[in-house]
Protein backbone atom coordinates (compact mmCIF):
# COMPACT_ATOMS: atom_id res chain seq x y z
CA MET A 1 21.37 -30.75 -10.56
CA THR A 2 18.15 -31.56 -8.71
CA GLN A 3 19.14 -29.20 -5.89
CA GLY A 4 19.34 -26.28 -8.33
CA LEU A 5 15.90 -27.00 -9.76
CA ALA A 6 14.34 -27.01 -6.30
CA ARG A 7 15.76 -23.52 -5.68
CA VAL A 8 14.35 -22.26 -8.99
CA GLU A 9 10.90 -23.57 -8.03
CA GLU A 10 11.19 -21.83 -4.67
CA LEU A 11 12.05 -18.50 -6.33
CA PHE A 12 9.07 -18.63 -8.68
CA GLU A 13 6.55 -19.82 -6.10
CA THR A 14 3.77 -17.26 -5.83
CA ARG A 15 2.50 -16.06 -2.48
CA PHE A 16 0.06 -13.32 -1.68
CA PRO A 17 1.22 -10.72 0.88
CA LYS A 18 -0.53 -10.64 4.26
CA ASN A 19 -0.94 -6.85 4.12
CA PRO A 20 -0.79 -5.67 0.50
CA ALA A 21 0.17 -2.06 -0.20
CA VAL A 22 -2.52 0.43 -1.19
CA ILE A 23 -1.69 2.58 -4.20
CA SER A 24 -3.81 5.63 -4.98
CA ASP A 25 -5.36 6.09 -8.41
CA LEU A 26 -5.00 9.86 -8.11
CA ASP A 27 -1.95 12.07 -8.41
CA GLY A 28 -2.22 15.01 -6.04
CA VAL A 29 -1.79 16.35 -2.52
CA ILE A 30 -1.73 13.95 0.44
CA GLU A 31 -3.21 14.75 3.86
CA VAL A 32 -2.89 12.30 6.77
CA GLN A 33 -5.18 12.68 9.79
CA THR A 34 -5.11 10.66 12.99
CA LEU A 35 -8.58 9.70 14.13
CA GLU A 36 -9.30 7.86 17.41
CA LYS A 37 -7.56 4.57 16.57
CA ASN A 38 -7.39 4.94 12.80
CA LEU A 39 -5.56 6.89 10.13
CA LEU A 40 -7.34 8.77 7.37
CA VAL A 41 -5.32 9.38 4.21
CA ARG A 42 -6.93 11.87 1.85
CA VAL A 43 -5.63 12.34 -1.70
CA THR A 44 -6.85 15.45 -3.52
CA ALA A 45 -6.09 15.72 -7.24
CA HIS A 46 -5.61 18.90 -9.18
CA GLU A 47 -9.08 18.57 -10.71
CA LEU A 48 -10.51 18.68 -7.15
CA GLU A 49 -11.27 14.97 -7.28
CA GLU A 50 -10.73 13.26 -3.91
CA ASN A 51 -10.16 9.74 -2.57
CA GLN A 52 -10.12 8.72 1.10
CA TYR A 53 -8.42 5.66 2.58
CA TYR A 54 -8.87 4.41 6.16
CA PHE A 55 -6.22 2.33 7.94
CA SER A 56 -5.89 1.01 11.45
CA GLY A 57 -3.43 2.90 13.67
CA GLU A 58 -0.94 0.02 13.41
CA TYR A 59 -0.07 0.84 9.79
CA VAL A 60 2.90 2.99 8.80
CA VAL A 61 2.00 5.44 6.04
CA MET A 62 4.75 6.01 3.48
CA VAL A 63 4.30 8.51 0.65
CA LYS A 64 6.50 8.62 -2.43
CA PRO A 65 6.34 11.05 -5.35
């Protein structure tokens, strides 16, 4: 019984990710530009509002609808 409880504790242990995902506040069109050693991700909403995110070139950008 004690072995099962240890596993439950392990499952509910909270850890913070080393590289957390960035989620945009805007819903719109995505544009990805490669700068010298960085990536620029620009999100333009339908109301012409715009957010820009900068990442190092090591990151993989994944976009989902």
